[in-house]
Protein backbone atom coordinates (compact mmCIF):
# COMPACT_ATOMS: atom_id res chain seq x y z
CA UNK A 1 47.74 34.21 -76.40
CA UNK A 2 47.34 31.38 -73.94
CA UNK A 3 48.94 30.18 -70.73
CA UNK A 4 49.82 26.49 -70.95
CA UNK A 5 51.34 26.06 -67.49
CA UNK A 6 51.44 27.79 -64.11
CA UNK A 7 53.98 26.73 -61.50
CA UNK A 8 54.40 27.77 -57.87
CA UNK A 9 58.15 27.70 -57.23
CA UNK A 10 58.00 29.25 -53.77
CA UNK A 11 54.91 29.54 -51.58
CA UNK A 12 55.48 30.38 -47.91
CA UNK A 13 52.63 31.81 -45.86
CA UNK A 14 49.09 32.49 -47.03
CA UNK A 15 49.62 34.64 -50.11
CA UNK A 16 48.78 31.90 -52.62
CA UNK A 17 45.36 31.47 -50.98
CA UNK A 18 44.74 35.21 -50.60
CA UNK A 19 42.25 37.45 -52.37
CA UNK A 20 45.22 39.63 -53.46
CA UNK A 21 46.74 36.72 -55.39
CA UNK A 22 43.37 35.80 -56.86
CA UNK A 23 43.02 39.34 -58.26
CA UNK A 24 46.63 39.60 -59.46
CA UNK A 25 46.55 36.17 -61.08
CA UNK A 26 43.32 37.07 -62.87
CA UNK A 27 44.83 40.36 -64.12
CA UNK A 28 47.96 38.62 -65.43
CA UNK A 29 45.86 35.95 -67.14
CA UNK A 30 43.56 38.55 -68.72
CA UNK A 31 46.47 40.73 -69.89
CA UNK A 32 48.08 37.70 -71.58
CA UNK A 33 44.76 36.66 -73.15
CA UNK A 34 44.44 40.16 -74.65
CA UNK A 35 47.59 39.69 -76.75
CA UNK A 36 46.50 39.01 -80.33
CA UNK A 37 48.23 38.80 -83.68
CA UNK A 38 47.71 39.97 -86.33
CA UNK A 39 45.74 43.08 -85.41
CA UNK A 40 42.01 42.54 -85.56
CA UNK A 41 42.19 38.83 -84.72
CA UNK A 42 40.70 37.38 -81.54
CA UNK A 43 43.64 35.06 -80.86
CA UNK A 44 47.42 34.97 -81.15
CA UNK A 45 48.42 33.47 -84.49
CA UNK A 46 52.12 33.20 -85.19
CA UNK A 47 54.00 32.78 -88.42
CA UNK A 48 55.97 29.53 -87.96
CA UNK A 49 59.19 30.92 -89.42
CA UNK A 50 61.99 29.46 -87.29
CA UNK A 51 63.28 32.24 -84.99
CA UNK A 52 61.50 34.75 -87.24
CA UNK A 53 59.36 36.70 -84.74
CA UNK A 54 60.32 39.44 -82.31
CA UNK A 55 59.60 39.14 -78.58
CA UNK A 56 59.56 42.73 -77.33
CA UNK A 57 56.21 43.66 -78.95
CA UNK A 58 54.61 40.64 -77.24
CA UNK A 59 55.93 41.70 -73.83
CA UNK A 60 54.96 45.33 -74.44
CA UNK A 61 51.40 44.31 -75.31
CA UNK A 62 51.03 42.61 -71.92
CA UNK A 63 52.62 45.54 -70.09
CA UNK A 64 50.28 48.01 -71.79
CA UNK A 65 47.27 45.91 -70.79
CA UNK A 66 48.45 45.64 -67.17
CA UNK A 67 49.02 49.40 -66.96
CA UNK A 68 46.00 50.68 -68.85
CA UNK A 69 43.38 48.20 -67.69
CA UNK A 70 44.55 47.17 -64.23
CA UNK A 71 46.65 50.06 -62.89
CA UNK A 72 50.07 48.36 -62.69
CA UNK A 73 53.25 50.45 -62.70
CA UNK A 74 55.81 49.71 -65.38
CA UNK A 75 59.61 49.80 -65.25
CA UNK A 76 59.62 50.16 -61.47
CA UNK A 77 62.97 51.01 -59.92
CA UNK A 78 63.42 49.12 -56.65
CA UNK A 79 66.59 49.40 -54.60
CA UNK A 80 67.02 46.39 -52.35
CA UNK A 81 70.64 45.41 -52.95
CA UNK A 82 74.09 47.00 -52.73
CA UNK A 83 73.92 47.50 -56.47
CA UNK A 84 70.47 47.84 -58.02
CA UNK A 85 69.49 44.68 -59.92
CA UNK A 86 67.62 46.87 -62.41
CA UNK A 87 64.04 47.89 -62.98
CA UNK A 88 61.16 45.46 -62.60
CA UNK A 89 58.96 45.15 -65.69
CA UNK A 90 55.67 45.64 -63.80
CA UNK A 91 54.59 46.01 -60.19
CA UNK A 92 51.32 46.17 -58.29
CA UNK A 93 51.06 47.65 -54.79
CA UNK A 94 49.66 45.35 -52.08
CA UNK A 95 49.43 47.22 -48.77
CA UNK A 96 53.07 48.04 -47.91
CA UNK A 97 54.51 45.50 -50.35
CA UNK A 98 54.87 45.01 -54.07
CA UNK A 99 53.96 42.19 -56.40
CA UNK A 100 56.59 42.05 -59.14
CA UNK A 101 56.25 40.67 -62.67
CA UNK A 102 59.09 40.02 -65.11
CA UNK A 103 58.53 39.04 -68.76
CA UNK A 104 61.44 37.23 -70.39
CA UNK A 105 62.78 38.78 -73.60
CA UNK A 106 66.44 37.78 -73.33
CA UNK A 107 68.48 34.59 -73.46
CA UNK A 108 68.56 31.87 -70.79
CA UNK A 109 71.14 33.83 -68.75
CA UNK A 110 68.67 36.70 -68.70
CA UNK A 111 66.00 34.29 -67.42
CA UNK A 112 68.26 33.30 -64.51
CA UNK A 113 68.91 36.97 -63.70
CA UNK A 114 65.17 37.72 -63.79
CA UNK A 115 64.36 34.91 -61.34
CA UNK A 116 67.28 35.91 -59.10
CA UNK A 117 66.05 39.52 -59.09
CA UNK A 118 62.60 38.34 -57.98
CA UNK A 119 63.97 35.96 -55.35
CA UNK A 120 66.23 38.67 -53.95
CA UNK A 121 63.20 40.96 -53.61
CA UNK A 122 61.43 38.19 -51.67
CA UNK A 123 64.47 37.64 -49.45
CA UNK A 124 64.69 41.36 -48.70
CA UNK A 125 60.98 41.52 -47.87
CA UNK A 126 60.28 44.07 -50.62
CA UNK A 127 58.13 41.73 -52.72
CA UNK A 128 55.32 39.76 -51.14
CA UNK A 129 54.87 37.95 -54.40
CA UNK A 130 56.49 37.73 -57.81
CA UNK A 131 56.09 35.97 -61.14
CA UNK A 132 58.02 35.35 -64.33
CA UNK A 133 56.40 34.94 -67.75
CA UNK A 134 58.32 33.00 -70.36
CA UNK A 135 57.58 31.06 -73.55
CA UNK A 136 57.27 27.32 -73.91
CA UNK A 137 59.77 25.46 -76.07
CA UNK A 138 57.02 25.18 -78.70
CA UNK A 139 56.67 28.98 -78.98
CA UNK A 140 60.43 29.47 -78.57
CA UNK A 141 61.05 27.89 -81.97
CA UNK A 142 59.30 30.81 -83.69
CA UNK A 143 60.83 33.63 -81.62
CA UNK A 144 64.17 35.42 -81.66
CA UNK A 145 66.95 32.82 -81.52
CA UNK A 146 68.13 31.74 -78.03
CA UNK A 147 65.28 33.37 -76.12
CA UNK A 148 64.94 31.98 -72.60
CA UNK A 149 62.19 29.36 -72.33
CA UNK A 150 60.51 27.16 -69.76
CA UNK A 151 62.11 23.86 -70.67
CA UNK A 152 65.60 25.35 -70.51
CA UNK A 153 64.97 26.97 -67.11
CA UNK A 154 63.10 24.08 -65.46
CA UNK A 155 66.18 22.01 -64.46
CA UNK A 156 67.18 24.82 -62.07
CA UNK A 157 63.85 25.09 -60.23
CA UNK A 158 65.10 23.09 -57.23
CA UNK A 159 67.67 25.81 -56.51
CA UNK A 160 64.99 28.49 -56.12
CA UNK A 161 62.61 26.12 -54.30
CA UNK A 162 65.33 25.64 -51.67
CA UNK A 163 65.50 29.38 -50.84
CA UNK A 164 64.43 30.02 -47.23
CA UNK A 165 62.13 33.00 -46.79
CA UNK A 166 59.73 33.93 -44.00
CA UNK A 167 56.88 34.75 -46.33
CA UNK A 168 56.37 35.10 -50.05
CA UNK A 169 55.35 33.61 -53.37
CA UNK A 170 57.11 33.05 -56.69
CA UNK A 171 55.25 31.73 -59.71
CA UNK A 172 55.96 30.97 -63.35
CA UNK A 173 53.53 31.51 -66.23
CA UNK A 174 54.37 29.62 -69.44
CA UNK A 175 52.88 31.13 -72.59
CA UNK A 176 52.21 29.85 -76.06
CA UNK A 177 50.58 30.85 -79.33
CA UNK A 178 46.98 29.84 -80.08
CA UNK A 179 47.59 28.90 -83.72
CA UNK A 180 50.24 28.92 -86.44
CA UNK A 181 49.73 30.25 -89.96
CA UNK A 182 52.50 30.90 -92.45
CA UNK A 183 50.32 33.52 -94.13
CA UNK A 184 50.27 35.94 -91.19
CA UNK A 185 53.08 38.51 -91.01
CA UNK A 186 55.99 37.87 -88.68
CA UNK A 187 56.16 40.03 -85.56
CA UNK A 188 58.80 42.67 -86.09
CA UNK A 189 61.76 42.72 -83.78
CA UNK A 190 60.81 46.18 -82.55
CA UNK A 191 58.69 47.60 -79.76
CA UNK A 192 55.19 48.20 -81.10
CA UNK A 193 53.32 46.33 -78.41
CA UNK A 194 50.19 48.46 -78.79
CA UNK A 195 49.56 46.76 -82.15
CA UNK A 196 49.16 43.41 -80.37
CA UNK A 197 46.34 44.34 -77.97
């Protein structure tokens, strides 16, 4: 799988130039690059059936790679609001802070909630950095119908860019397939992420 775009939505302080970010960014990139389909291939080939492929196995493949190869924690419970905004998909400890990663598997409303969860963690000083991974519109066409995607979320970026924090970083990784082939099987709408790494 490939990353077609990286965006810095919020960058206050020195984190974006830090060695910590260089390592984390490299780990995220490598975990995404490890996602292949079908099994045994060296790239991510998707069946171009409109809305015919599941998204959870793709996310799970990245999470497994982050945990098993780079020591990230998955499904981290973080309480930094009156009511918990829910678990964070993956976190990495940086000194006394966390870097948080969310991978979008829901609709566009879910994408907004994911970014808001990350921004709230930055505002509360719990996250030093955070990132969201979501598909491009090109990949979106072949995934579960109405999945959140970059082009649908982009018009709202100015809202999050306007957030005032003392220090922190929020980035977006936009992912896409390497190739299409109608002869490869569709990705089931289940949770077998291990089959994709």
